[in-house]
Amino acid sequence: MELAALTRRAIADHDRRLAHELSDCLWSILVLAQLYDVDLEKEFLATMNALEHSMAKQPPSP
């Protein structure tokens, strides 16, 4: 098999494995949020607002 074909296969497999791991993490977060009665939407929006606010205070990088 030529190198280009091997590279494409390795990248596709990496993308598939990464997608699987991320979905695994998301499932765990959803289960914990339900178990501990956390409003994820509310908390996510609050966190994003806080991050936006703190980033707005920082001077732009050169």
C-alpha atoms as a PDB file:
ATOM      1  CA  MET A   1       0.000   0.000   0.000  1.00  0.00           C
ATOM      2  CA  GLU A   2       1.363   3.429  -0.824  1.00  0.00           C
ATOM      3  CA  LEU A   3       2.173   6.019   1.811  1.00  0.00           C
ATOM      4  CA  ALA A   4      -0.656   8.413   0.854  1.00  0.00           C
ATOM      5  CA  ALA A   5      -3.247   5.672   1.271  1.00  0.00           C
ATOM      6  CA  LEU A   6      -1.795   4.646   4.642  1.00  0.00           C
ATOM      7  CA  THR A   7      -1.812   8.268   5.792  1.00  0.00           C
ATOM      8  CA  ARG A   8      -5.459   8.761   4.771  1.00  0.00           C
ATOM      9  CA  ARG A   9      -6.460   5.588   6.611  1.00  0.00           C
ATOM     10  CA  ALA A  10      -4.545   6.622   9.752  1.00  0.00           C
ATOM     11  CA  ILE A  11      -6.185  10.082   9.752  1.00  0.00           C
ATOM     12  CA  ALA A  12      -9.666   8.628   9.225  1.00  0.00           C
ATOM     13  CA  ASP A  13      -9.119   6.150  12.056  1.00  0.00           C
ATOM     14  CA  HIS A  14      -7.791   8.912  14.314  1.00  0.00           C
ATOM     15  CA  ASP A  15     -10.837  11.087  13.583  1.00  0.00           C
ATOM     16  CA  ARG A  16     -13.187   8.178  14.288  1.00  0.00           C
ATOM     17  CA  ARG A  17     -11.432   7.328  17.557  1.00  0.00           C
ATOM     18  CA  LEU A  18     -11.390  10.969  18.665  1.00  0.00           C
ATOM     19  CA  ALA A  19     -15.117  11.302  17.917  1.00  0.00           C
ATOM     20  CA  HIS A  20     -15.792   8.157  19.960  1.00  0.00           C
ATOM     21  CA  GLU A  21     -13.778   9.416  22.955  1.00  0.00           C
ATOM     22  CA  LEU A  22     -15.439  12.836  22.867  1.00  0.00           C
ATOM     23  CA  SER A  23     -18.894  11.287  22.763  1.00  0.00           C
ATOM     24  CA  ASP A  24     -17.892   9.057  25.686  1.00  0.00           C
ATOM     25  CA  CYS A  25     -16.889  12.152  27.683  1.00  0.00           C
ATOM     26  CA  LEU A  26     -20.127  13.933  26.801  1.00  0.00           C
ATOM     27  CA  TRP A  27     -22.178  10.925  27.917  1.00  0.00           C
ATOM     28  CA  SER A  28     -20.350  10.920  31.273  1.00  0.00           C
ATOM     29  CA  ILE A  29     -20.985  14.633  31.743  1.00  0.00           C
ATOM     30  CA  LEU A  30     -24.680  14.253  30.946  1.00  0.00           C
ATOM     31  CA  VAL A  31     -25.020  11.369  33.407  1.00  0.00           C
ATOM     32  CA  LEU A  32     -23.269  13.311  36.180  1.00  0.00           C
ATOM     33  CA  ALA A  33     -25.344  16.428  35.507  1.00  0.00           C
ATOM     34  CA  GLN A  34     -28.544  14.426  35.765  1.00  0.00           C
ATOM     35  CA  LEU A  35     -27.355  12.588  38.884  1.00  0.00           C
ATOM     36  CA  TYR A  36     -26.442  15.837  40.668  1.00  0.00           C
ATOM     37  CA  ASP A  37     -29.335  17.868  39.242  1.00  0.00           C
ATOM     38  CA  VAL A  38     -27.105  20.366  37.412  1.00  0.00           C
ATOM     39  CA  ASP A  39     -28.726  22.633  34.826  1.00  0.00           C
ATOM     40  CA  LEU A  40     -26.039  22.268  32.153  1.00  0.00           C
ATOM     41  CA  GLU A  41     -27.532  24.831  29.795  1.00  0.00           C
ATOM     42  CA  LYS A  42     -27.645  27.485  32.507  1.00  0.00           C
ATOM     43  CA  GLU A  43     -24.146  26.689  33.773  1.00  0.00           C
ATOM     44  CA  PHE A  44     -22.667  26.534  30.278  1.00  0.00           C
ATOM     45  CA  LEU A  45     -24.091  29.940  29.362  1.00  0.00           C
ATOM     46  CA  ALA A  46     -22.859  31.458  32.633  1.00  0.00           C
ATOM     47  CA  THR A  47     -19.391  30.030  32.084  1.00  0.00           C
ATOM     48  CA  MET A  48     -19.223  31.275  28.489  1.00  0.00           C
ATOM     49  CA  ASN A  49     -20.342  34.747  29.607  1.00  0.00           C
ATOM     50  CA  ALA A  50     -17.634  34.810  32.300  1.00  0.00           C
ATOM     51  CA  LEU A  51     -14.986  33.696  29.813  1.00  0.00           C
ATOM     52  CA  GLU A  52     -16.112  36.294  27.290  1.00  0.00           C
ATOM     53  CA  HIS A  53     -15.993  38.978  29.967  1.00  0.00           C
ATOM     54  CA  SER A  54     -12.492  38.027  31.125  1.00  0.00           C
ATOM     55  CA  MET A  55     -11.212  37.797  27.552  1.00  0.00           C
ATOM     56  CA  ALA A  56     -12.616  41.250  26.764  1.00  0.00           C
ATOM     57  CA  LYS A  57     -10.505  42.687  29.602  1.00  0.00           C
ATOM     58  CA  GLN A  58      -7.273  41.293  28.173  1.00  0.00           C
ATOM     59  CA  PRO A  59      -5.318  43.420  25.717  1.00  0.00           C
ATOM     60  CA  PRO A  60      -5.074  41.957  22.223  1.00  0.00           C
ATOM     61  CA  SER A  61      -1.979  39.864  21.659  1.00  0.00           C
ATOM     62  CA  PRO A  62       0.541  41.148  19.112  1.00  0.00           C
END
